[in-house]
Amino acid sequence: MAVITLSIAWFTSCFTTNIWSIITSSVRKEAVGAASGIINGIGAGVGGTTAGFVVEFLHGSTGSYLPGFVVIGIVAIVGGLSVYTYCRIKGAG
């Protein structure tokens, strides 16, 4: 379980820092603070809270933490691919 948790944390941290660069380069200078606050609130508030509920729900349903970590891993991969795709589209346009 520790290896899974560290793997998800490592993968997530690989693309999370790019989000702040995307914000500063794609939002008007005077709106960066507000945009950063909204993104941080959604990520930390909604994402952090939902992840705990999902893991506990799946743990209660299956008796194992593995399905919850699989879901979180999939969400992390989709998030990373979303950032990658956005950067490719933004760079092409």
PDB file of N, CA and C in Angstrom:
ATOM      1  N   MET A   1       0.825  -1.176   0.000  1.00  0.00           N
ATOM      2  CA  MET A   1       0.000   0.000   0.000  1.00  0.00           C
ATOM      3  C   MET A   1       0.880   1.255   0.000  1.00  0.00           C
ATOM      4  N   ALA A   2       1.981   1.212   0.707  1.00  0.00           N
ATOM      5  CA  ALA A   2       2.872   2.375   0.735  1.00  0.00           C
ATOM      6  C   ALA A   2       3.442   2.657  -0.646  1.00  0.00           C
ATOM      7  N   VAL A   3       3.798   1.607  -1.372  1.00  0.00           N
ATOM      8  CA  VAL A   3       4.348   1.789  -2.717  1.00  0.00           C
ATOM      9  C   VAL A   3       3.299   2.387  -3.653  1.00  0.00           C
ATOM     10  N   ILE A   4       2.062   1.915  -3.538  1.00  0.00           N
ATOM     11  CA  ILE A   4       0.984   2.454  -4.364  1.00  0.00           C
ATOM     12  C   ILE A   4       0.776   3.937  -4.043  1.00  0.00           C
ATOM     13  N   THR A   5       0.726   4.261  -2.771  1.00  0.00           N
ATOM     14  CA  THR A   5       0.517   5.648  -2.360  1.00  0.00           C
ATOM     15  C   THR A   5       1.652   6.541  -2.856  1.00  0.00           C
ATOM     16  N   LEU A   6       2.878   6.107  -2.693  1.00  0.00           N
ATOM     17  CA  LEU A   6       4.020   6.897  -3.155  1.00  0.00           C
ATOM     18  C   LEU A   6       4.027   7.024  -4.677  1.00  0.00           C
ATOM     19  N   SER A   7       3.633   5.974  -5.377  1.00  0.00           N
ATOM     20  CA  SER A   7       3.581   6.033  -6.840  1.00  0.00           C
ATOM     21  C   SER A   7       2.552   7.050  -7.310  1.00  0.00           C
ATOM     22  N   ILE A   8       1.385   7.040  -6.694  1.00  0.00           N
ATOM     23  CA  ILE A   8       0.350   7.998  -7.064  1.00  0.00           C
ATOM     24  C   ILE A   8       0.816   9.416  -6.738  1.00  0.00           C
ATOM     25  N   ALA A   9       1.437   9.593  -5.584  1.00  0.00           N
ATOM     26  CA  ALA A   9       1.925  10.921  -5.201  1.00  0.00           C
ATOM     27  C   ALA A   9       2.999  11.403  -6.172  1.00  0.00           C
ATOM     28  N   TRP A  10       3.908  10.525  -6.556  1.00  0.00           N
ATOM     29  CA  TRP A  10       4.960  10.900  -7.488  1.00  0.00           C
ATOM     30  C   TRP A  10       4.373  11.266  -8.831  1.00  0.00           C
ATOM     31  N   PHE A  11       3.478  10.429  -9.346  1.00  0.00           N
ATOM     32  CA  PHE A  11       2.880  10.698 -10.648  1.00  0.00           C
ATOM     33  C   PHE A  11       2.104  12.008 -10.633  1.00  0.00           C
ATOM     34  N   THR A  12       1.331  12.218  -9.601  1.00  0.00           N
ATOM     35  CA  THR A  12       0.535  13.434  -9.500  1.00  0.00           C
ATOM     36  C   THR A  12       1.429  14.663  -9.422  1.00  0.00           C
ATOM     37  N   SER A  13       2.515  14.583  -8.676  1.00  0.00           N
ATOM     38  CA  SER A  13       3.394  15.748  -8.543  1.00  0.00           C
ATOM     39  C   SER A  13       4.120  16.059  -9.846  1.00  0.00           C
ATOM     40  N   CYS A  14       4.208  15.090 -10.748  1.00  0.00           N
ATOM     41  CA  CYS A  14       4.866  15.343 -12.036  1.00  0.00           C
ATOM     42  C   CYS A  14       4.085  16.319 -12.897  1.00  0.00           C
ATOM     43  N   PHE A  15       2.754  16.311 -12.785  1.00  0.00           N
ATOM     44  CA  PHE A  15       1.992  17.239 -13.615  1.00  0.00           C
ATOM     45  C   PHE A  15       1.337  18.362 -12.826  1.00  0.00           C
ATOM     46  N   THR A  16       1.268  18.251 -11.520  1.00  0.00           N
ATOM     47  CA  THR A  16       0.599  19.274 -10.722  1.00  0.00           C
ATOM     48  C   THR A  16       1.294  20.626 -10.827  1.00  0.00           C
ATOM     49  N   THR A  17       2.600  20.642 -10.802  1.00  0.00           N
ATOM     50  CA  THR A  17       3.311  21.919 -10.880  1.00  0.00           C
ATOM     51  C   THR A  17       3.095  22.611 -12.219  1.00  0.00           C
ATOM     52  N   ASN A  18       2.828  21.848 -13.260  1.00  0.00           N
ATOM     53  CA  ASN A  18       2.574  22.452 -14.571  1.00  0.00           C
ATOM     54  C   ASN A  18       1.267  23.228 -14.593  1.00  0.00           C
ATOM     55  N   ILE A  19       0.327  22.855 -13.733  1.00  0.00           N
ATOM     56  CA  ILE A  19      -0.953  23.556 -13.693  1.00  0.00           C
ATOM     57  C   ILE A  19      -0.733  25.031 -13.363  1.00  0.00           C
ATOM     58  N   TRP A  20       0.168  25.321 -12.437  1.00  0.00           N
ATOM     59  CA  TRP A  20       0.414  26.720 -12.064  1.00  0.00           C
ATOM     60  C   TRP A  20       1.057  27.477 -13.211  1.00  0.00           C
ATOM     61  N   SER A  21       1.908  26.833 -13.977  1.00  0.00           N
ATOM     62  CA  SER A  21       2.491  27.486 -15.158  1.00  0.00           C
ATOM     63  C   SER A  21       1.430  27.752 -16.209  1.00  0.00           C
ATOM     64  N   ILE A  22       0.520  26.809 -16.382  1.00  0.00           N
ATOM     65  CA  ILE A  22      -0.557  26.990 -17.357  1.00  0.00           C
ATOM     66  C   ILE A  22      -1.437  28.169 -16.953  1.00  0.00           C
ATOM     67  N   ILE A  23      -1.738  28.268 -15.680  1.00  0.00           N
ATOM     68  CA  ILE A  23      -2.581  29.374 -15.214  1.00  0.00           C
ATOM     69  C   ILE A  23      -1.923  30.710 -15.511  1.00  0.00           C
ATOM     70  N   THR A  24      -0.653  30.848 -15.153  1.00  0.00           N
ATOM     71  CA  THR A  24       0.002  32.139 -15.345  1.00  0.00           C
ATOM     72  C   THR A  24       0.188  32.498 -16.817  1.00  0.00           C
ATOM     73  N   SER A  25       0.244  31.503 -17.685  1.00  0.00           N
ATOM     74  CA  SER A  25       0.437  31.810 -19.107  1.00  0.00           C
ATOM     75  C   SER A  25      -0.867  31.926 -19.885  1.00  0.00           C
ATOM     76  N   SER A  26      -1.978  31.467 -19.340  1.00  0.00           N
ATOM     77  CA  SER A  26      -3.222  31.481 -20.113  1.00  0.00           C
ATOM     78  C   SER A  26      -4.304  32.390 -19.539  1.00  0.00           C
ATOM     79  N   VAL A  27      -4.044  33.017 -18.393  1.00  0.00           N
ATOM     80  CA  VAL A  27      -5.029  33.902 -17.772  1.00  0.00           C
ATOM     81  C   VAL A  27      -4.444  35.315 -17.747  1.00  0.00           C
ATOM     82  N   ARG A  28      -5.318  36.311 -17.900  1.00  0.00           N
ATOM     83  CA  ARG A  28      -4.841  37.697 -17.815  1.00  0.00           C
ATOM     84  C   ARG A  28      -4.087  37.913 -16.499  1.00  0.00           C
ATOM     85  N   LYS A  29      -3.087  38.758 -16.549  1.00  0.00           N
ATOM     86  CA  LYS A  29      -2.216  38.985 -15.392  1.00  0.00           C
ATOM     87  C   LYS A  29      -2.997  39.371 -14.142  1.00  0.00           C
ATOM     88  N   GLU A  30      -4.015  40.194 -14.286  1.00  0.00           N
ATOM     89  CA  GLU A  30      -4.768  40.632 -13.111  1.00  0.00           C
ATOM     90  C   GLU A  30      -5.736  39.565 -12.588  1.00  0.00           C
ATOM     91  N   ALA A  31      -5.916  38.469 -13.327  1.00  0.00           N
ATOM     92  CA  ALA A  31      -6.834  37.410 -12.895  1.00  0.00           C
ATOM     93  C   ALA A  31      -6.113  36.164 -12.383  1.00  0.00           C
ATOM     94  N   VAL A  32      -4.785  36.176 -12.375  1.00  0.00           N
ATOM     95  CA  VAL A  32      -4.017  34.993 -11.969  1.00  0.00           C
ATOM     96  C   VAL A  32      -4.316  34.596 -10.524  1.00  0.00           C
ATOM     97  N   GLY A  33      -4.398  35.561  -9.630  1.00  0.00           N
ATOM     98  CA  GLY A  33      -4.673  35.248  -8.216  1.00  0.00           C
ATOM     99  C   GLY A  33      -6.013  34.569  -8.024  1.00  0.00           C
ATOM    100  N   ALA A  34      -7.034  35.116  -8.647  1.00  0.00           N
ATOM    101  CA  ALA A  34      -8.374  34.521  -8.526  1.00  0.00           C
ATOM    102  C   ALA A  34      -8.426  33.141  -9.180  1.00  0.00           C
ATOM    103  N   ALA A  35      -7.832  33.022 -10.363  1.00  0.00           N
ATOM    104  CA  ALA A  35      -7.829  31.726 -11.051  1.00  0.00           C
ATOM    105  C   ALA A  35      -7.074  30.679 -10.241  1.00  0.00           C
ATOM    106  N   SER A  36      -5.957  31.056  -9.661  1.00  0.00           N
ATOM    107  CA  SER A  36      -5.184  30.123  -8.828  1.00  0.00           C
ATOM    108  C   SER A  36      -5.987  29.682  -7.608  1.00  0.00           C
ATOM    109  N   GLY A  37      -6.687  30.619  -7.007  1.00  0.00           N
ATOM    110  CA  GLY A  37      -7.516  30.282  -5.844  1.00  0.00           C
ATOM    111  C   GLY A  37      -8.635  29.323  -6.194  1.00  0.00           C
ATOM    112  N   ILE A  38      -9.259  29.541  -7.342  1.00  0.00           N
ATOM    113  CA  ILE A  38     -10.342  28.643  -7.769  1.00  0.00           C
ATOM    114  C   ILE A  38      -9.803  27.253  -8.060  1.00  0.00           C
ATOM    115  N   ILE A  39      -8.700  27.174  -8.801  1.00  0.00           N
ATOM    116  CA  ILE A  39      -8.101  25.872  -9.120  1.00  0.00           C
ATOM    117  C   ILE A  39      -7.676  25.156  -7.843  1.00  0.00           C
ATOM    118  N   ASN A  40      -7.038  25.876  -6.927  1.00  0.00           N
ATOM    119  CA  ASN A  40      -6.592  25.271  -5.671  1.00  0.00           C
ATOM    120  C   ASN A  40      -7.784  24.807  -4.839  1.00  0.00           C
ATOM    121  N   GLY A  41      -8.842  25.601  -4.810  1.00  0.00           N
ATOM    122  CA  GLY A  41     -10.036  25.208  -4.059  1.00  0.00           C
ATOM    123  C   GLY A  41     -10.692  23.970  -4.619  1.00  0.00           C
ATOM    124  N   ILE A  42     -10.761  23.895  -5.942  1.00  0.00           N
ATOM    125  CA  ILE A  42     -11.351  22.714  -6.572  1.00  0.00           C
ATOM    126  C   ILE A  42     -10.472  21.490  -6.334  1.00  0.00           C
ATOM    127  N   GLY A  43      -9.165  21.648  -6.540  1.00  0.00           N
ATOM    128  CA  GLY A  43      -8.261  20.513  -6.382  1.00  0.00           C
ATOM    129  C   GLY A  43      -8.157  20.026  -4.951  1.00  0.00           C
ATOM    130  N   ALA A  44      -7.940  20.937  -4.036  1.00  0.00           N
ATOM    131  CA  ALA A  44      -7.761  20.547  -2.639  1.00  0.00           C
ATOM    132  C   ALA A  44      -9.093  20.255  -1.967  1.00  0.00           C
ATOM    133  N   GLY A  45     -10.073  21.112  -2.208  1.00  0.00           N
ATOM    134  CA  GLY A  45     -11.363  20.948  -1.544  1.00  0.00           C
ATOM    135  C   GLY A  45     -12.168  19.788  -2.083  1.00  0.00           C
ATOM    136  N   VAL A  46     -12.463  19.845  -3.366  1.00  0.00           N
ATOM    137  CA  VAL A  46     -13.302  18.801  -3.963  1.00  0.00           C
ATOM    138  C   VAL A  46     -12.515  17.506  -4.146  1.00  0.00           C
ATOM    139  N   GLY A  47     -11.331  17.616  -4.750  1.00  0.00           N
ATOM    140  CA  GLY A  47     -10.542  16.418  -5.020  1.00  0.00           C
ATOM    141  C   GLY A  47     -10.091  15.693  -3.762  1.00  0.00           C
ATOM    142  N   GLY A  48      -9.581  16.446  -2.811  1.00  0.00           N
ATOM    143  CA  GLY A  48      -9.100  15.832  -1.576  1.00  0.00           C
ATOM    144  C   GLY A  48     -10.206  15.200  -0.759  1.00  0.00           C
ATOM    145  N   THR A  49     -11.344  15.855  -0.707  1.00  0.00           N
ATOM    146  CA  THR A  49     -12.471  15.322   0.050  1.00  0.00           C
ATOM    147  C   THR A  49     -13.080  14.122  -0.650  1.00  0.00           C
ATOM    148  N   THR A  50     -13.265  14.229  -1.964  1.00  0.00           N
ATOM    149  CA  THR A  50     -13.874  13.139  -2.722  1.00  0.00           C
ATOM    150  C   THR A  50     -13.004  11.892  -2.689  1.00  0.00           C
ATOM    151  N   ALA A  51     -11.701  12.054  -2.777  1.00  0.00           N
ATOM    152  CA  ALA A  51     -10.806  10.894  -2.775  1.00  0.00           C
ATOM    153  C   ALA A  51     -10.977  10.064  -1.515  1.00  0.00           C
ATOM    154  N   GLY A  52     -11.070  10.721  -0.379  1.00  0.00           N
ATOM    155  CA  GLY A  52     -11.266   9.995   0.872  1.00  0.00           C
ATOM    156  C   GLY A  52     -12.580   9.233   0.902  1.00  0.00           C
ATOM    157  N   PHE A  53     -13.635   9.864   0.424  1.00  0.00           N
ATOM    158  CA  PHE A  53     -14.940   9.194   0.378  1.00  0.00           C
ATOM    159  C   PHE A  53     -14.926   8.006  -0.580  1.00  0.00           C
ATOM    160  N   VAL A  54     -14.285   8.173  -1.735  1.00  0.00           N
ATOM    161  CA  VAL A  54     -14.234   7.086  -2.718  1.00  0.00           C
ATOM    162  C   VAL A  54     -13.471   5.891  -2.158  1.00  0.00           C
ATOM    163  N   VAL A  55     -12.310   6.158  -1.558  1.00  0.00           N
ATOM    164  CA  VAL A  55     -11.516   5.060  -0.996  1.00  0.00           C
ATOM    165  C   VAL A  55     -12.294   4.345   0.103  1.00  0.00           C
ATOM    166  N   GLU A  56     -12.933   5.089   0.989  1.00  0.00           N
ATOM    167  CA  GLU A  56     -13.679   4.456   2.072  1.00  0.00           C
ATOM    168  C   GLU A  56     -14.896   3.704   1.547  1.00  0.00           C
ATOM    169  N   PHE A  57     -15.609   4.264   0.580  1.00  0.00           N
ATOM    170  CA  PHE A  57     -16.766   3.579   0.009  1.00  0.00           C
ATOM    171  C   PHE A  57     -16.351   2.254  -0.620  1.00  0.00           C
ATOM    172  N   LEU A  58     -15.285   2.289  -1.421  1.00  0.00           N
ATOM    173  CA  LEU A  58     -14.830   1.058  -2.074  1.00  0.00           C
ATOM    174  C   LEU A  58     -14.243   0.076  -1.067  1.00  0.00           C
ATOM    175  N   HIS A  59     -13.599   0.595  -0.023  1.00  0.00           N
ATOM    176  CA  HIS A  59     -13.090  -0.290   1.025  1.00  0.00           C
ATOM    177  C   HIS A  59     -14.250  -0.979   1.747  1.00  0.00           C
ATOM    178  N   GLY A  60     -15.307  -0.232   2.035  1.00  0.00           N
ATOM    179  CA  GLY A  60     -16.474  -0.810   2.687  1.00  0.00           C
ATOM    180  C   GLY A  60     -17.193  -1.824   1.808  1.00  0.00           C
ATOM    181  N   SER A  61     -17.194  -1.584   0.503  1.00  0.00           N
ATOM    182  CA  SER A  61     -17.883  -2.480  -0.430  1.00  0.00           C
ATOM    183  C   SER A  61     -17.088  -3.743  -0.722  1.00  0.00           C
ATOM    184  N   THR A  62     -15.764  -3.613  -0.797  1.00  0.00           N
ATOM    185  CA  THR A  62     -14.937  -4.747  -1.217  1.00  0.00           C
ATOM    186  C   THR A  62     -14.091  -5.337  -0.098  1.00  0.00           C
ATOM    187  N   GLY A  63     -13.870  -4.588   0.963  1.00  0.00           N
ATOM    188  CA  GLY A  63     -12.997  -5.057   2.041  1.00  0.00           C
ATOM    189  C   GLY A  63     -11.523  -4.861   1.741  1.00  0.00           C
ATOM    190  N   SER A  64     -11.216  -4.174   0.649  1.00  0.00           N
ATOM    191  CA  SER A  64      -9.828  -3.949   0.247  1.00  0.00           C
ATOM    192  C   SER A  64      -9.638  -2.484  -0.123  1.00  0.00           C
ATOM    193  N   TYR A  65      -8.435  -1.987   0.113  1.00  0.00           N
ATOM    194  CA  TYR A  65      -8.111  -0.620  -0.283  1.00  0.00           C
ATOM    195  C   TYR A  65      -7.710  -0.535  -1.758  1.00  0.00           C
ATOM    196  N   LEU A  66      -7.384  -1.658  -2.356  1.00  0.00           N
ATOM    197  CA  LEU A  66      -6.880  -1.668  -3.724  1.00  0.00           C
ATOM    198  C   LEU A  66      -7.818  -0.998  -4.724  1.00  0.00           C
ATOM    199  N   PRO A  67      -9.123  -1.291  -4.740  1.00  0.00           N
ATOM    200  CA  PRO A  67      -9.988  -0.610  -5.718  1.00  0.00           C
ATOM    201  C   PRO A  67      -9.980   0.914  -5.573  1.00  0.00           C
ATOM    202  N   GLY A  68      -9.923   1.405  -4.360  1.00  0.00           N
ATOM    203  CA  GLY A  68      -9.874   2.847  -4.155  1.00  0.00           C
ATOM    204  C   GLY A  68      -8.606   3.462  -4.710  1.00  0.00           C
ATOM    205  N   PHE A  69      -7.472   2.793  -4.496  1.00  0.00           N
ATOM    206  CA  PHE A  69      -6.217   3.299  -5.034  1.00  0.00           C
ATOM    207  C   PHE A  69      -6.172   3.182  -6.548  1.00  0.00           C
ATOM    208  N   VAL A  70      -6.814   2.159  -7.084  1.00  0.00           N
ATOM    209  CA  VAL A  70      -6.893   2.031  -8.547  1.00  0.00           C
ATOM    210  C   VAL A  70      -7.679   3.207  -9.127  1.00  0.00           C
ATOM    211  N   VAL A  71      -8.807   3.529  -8.512  1.00  0.00           N
ATOM    212  CA  VAL A  71      -9.613   4.664  -8.988  1.00  0.00           C
ATOM    213  C   VAL A  71      -8.815   5.959  -8.890  1.00  0.00           C
ATOM    214  N   ILE A  72      -8.144   6.183  -7.776  1.00  0.00           N
ATOM    215  CA  ILE A  72      -7.345   7.403  -7.616  1.00  0.00           C
ATOM    216  C   ILE A  72      -6.211   7.430  -8.643  1.00  0.00           C
ATOM    217  N   GLY A  73      -5.593   6.281  -8.892  1.00  0.00           N
ATOM    218  CA  GLY A  73      -4.542   6.202  -9.906  1.00  0.00           C
ATOM    219  C   GLY A  73      -5.064   6.534 -11.292  1.00  0.00           C
ATOM    220  N   ILE A  74      -6.243   6.016 -11.623  1.00  0.00           N
ATOM    221  CA  ILE A  74      -6.848   6.309 -12.930  1.00  0.00           C
ATOM    222  C   ILE A  74      -7.167   7.791 -13.050  1.00  0.00           C
ATOM    223  N   VAL A  75      -7.716   8.368 -11.991  1.00  0.00           N
ATOM    224  CA  VAL A  75      -8.027   9.805 -12.008  1.00  0.00           C
ATOM    225  C   VAL A  75      -6.744  10.619 -12.159  1.00  0.00           C
ATOM    226  N   ALA A  76      -5.669  10.201 -11.496  1.00  0.00           N
ATOM    227  CA  ALA A  76      -4.392  10.909 -11.622  1.00  0.00           C
ATOM    228  C   ALA A  76      -3.865  10.825 -13.047  1.00  0.00           C
ATOM    229  N   ILE A  77      -3.985   9.660 -13.665  1.00  0.00           N
ATOM    230  CA  ILE A  77      -3.531   9.496 -15.050  1.00  0.00           C
ATOM    231  C   ILE A  77      -4.373  10.348 -15.996  1.00  0.00           C
ATOM    232  N   VAL A  78      -5.683  10.340 -15.806  1.00  0.00           N
ATOM    233  CA  VAL A  78      -6.559  11.173 -16.639  1.00  0.00           C
ATOM    234  C   VAL A  78      -6.223  12.651 -16.453  1.00  0.00           C
ATOM    235  N   GLY A  79      -5.942  13.059 -15.221  1.00  0.00           N
ATOM    236  CA  GLY A  79      -5.540  14.444 -14.972  1.00  0.00           C
ATOM    237  C   GLY A  79      -4.248  14.797 -15.684  1.00  0.00           C
ATOM    238  N   GLY A  80      -3.278  13.909 -15.613  1.00  0.00           N
ATOM    239  CA  GLY A  80      -2.005  14.139 -16.299  1.00  0.00           C
ATOM    240  C   GLY A  80      -2.181  14.217 -17.808  1.00  0.00           C
ATOM    241  N   LEU A  81      -2.995  13.323 -18.351  1.00  0.00           N
ATOM    242  CA  LEU A  81      -3.266  13.350 -19.789  1.00  0.00           C
ATOM    243  C   LEU A  81      -4.027  14.607 -20.195  1.00  0.00           C
ATOM    244  N   SER A  82      -4.889  15.089 -19.317  1.00  0.00           N
ATOM    245  CA  SER A  82      -5.623  16.326 -19.601  1.00  0.00           C
ATOM    246  C   SER A  82      -4.675  17.511 -19.682  1.00  0.00           C
ATOM    247  N   VAL A  83      -3.737  17.603 -18.748  1.00  0.00           N
ATOM    248  CA  VAL A  83      -2.756  18.690 -18.772  1.00  0.00           C
ATOM    249  C   VAL A  83      -1.894  18.579 -20.026  1.00  0.00           C
ATOM    250  N   TYR A  84      -1.458  17.374 -20.350  1.00  0.00           N
ATOM    251  CA  TYR A  84      -0.637  17.147 -21.549  1.00  0.00           C
ATOM    252  C   TYR A  84      -1.397  17.566 -22.806  1.00  0.00           C
ATOM    253  N   THR A  85      -2.662  17.130 -22.912  1.00  0.00           N
ATOM    254  CA  THR A  85      -3.476  17.459 -24.078  1.00  0.00           C
ATOM    255  C   THR A  85      -3.695  18.962 -24.187  1.00  0.00           C
ATOM    256  N   TYR A  86      -3.982  19.608 -23.078  1.00  0.00           N
ATOM    257  CA  TYR A  86      -4.176  21.062 -23.081  1.00  0.00           C
ATOM    258  C   TYR A  86      -2.918  21.772 -23.583  1.00  0.00           C
ATOM    259  N   CYS A  87      -1.776  21.330 -23.092  1.00  0.00           N
ATOM    260  CA  CYS A  87      -0.525  21.969 -23.505  1.00  0.00           C
ATOM    261  C   CYS A  87      -0.258  21.744 -24.985  1.00  0.00           C
ATOM    262  N   ARG A  88      -0.589  20.570 -25.498  1.00  0.00           N
ATOM    263  CA  ARG A  88      -0.405  20.288 -26.923  1.00  0.00           C
ATOM    264  C   ARG A  88      -1.335  21.160 -27.767  1.00  0.00           C
ATOM    265  N   ILE A  89      -2.593  21.291 -27.336  1.00  0.00           N
ATOM    266  CA  ILE A  89      -3.561  22.101 -28.071  1.00  0.00           C
ATOM    267  C   ILE A  89      -3.165  23.572 -28.011  1.00  0.00           C
ATOM    268  N   LYS A  90      -2.807  24.033 -26.824  1.00  0.00           N
ATOM    269  CA  LYS A  90      -2.430  25.443 -26.636  1.00  0.00           C
ATOM    270  C   LYS A  90      -1.176  25.773 -27.434  1.00  0.00           C
ATOM    271  N   GLY A  91      -0.229  24.840 -27.470  1.00  0.00           N
ATOM    272  CA  GLY A  91       1.010  25.060 -28.202  1.00  0.00           C
ATOM    273  C   GLY A  91       0.807  25.026 -29.716  1.00  0.00           C
ATOM    274  N   ALA A  92      -0.187  24.248 -30.165  1.00  0.00           N
ATOM    275  CA  ALA A  92      -0.450  24.144 -31.595  1.00  0.00           C
ATOM    276  C   ALA A  92      -1.216  25.345 -32.128  1.00  0.00           C
ATOM    277  N   GLY A  93      -1.959  26.006 -31.225  1.00  0.00           N
ATOM    278  CA  GLY A  93      -2.829  27.107 -31.669  1.00  0.00           C
ATOM    279  C   GLY A  93      -2.226  28.418 -31.539  1.00  0.00           C
TER     280      GLY A  93
END
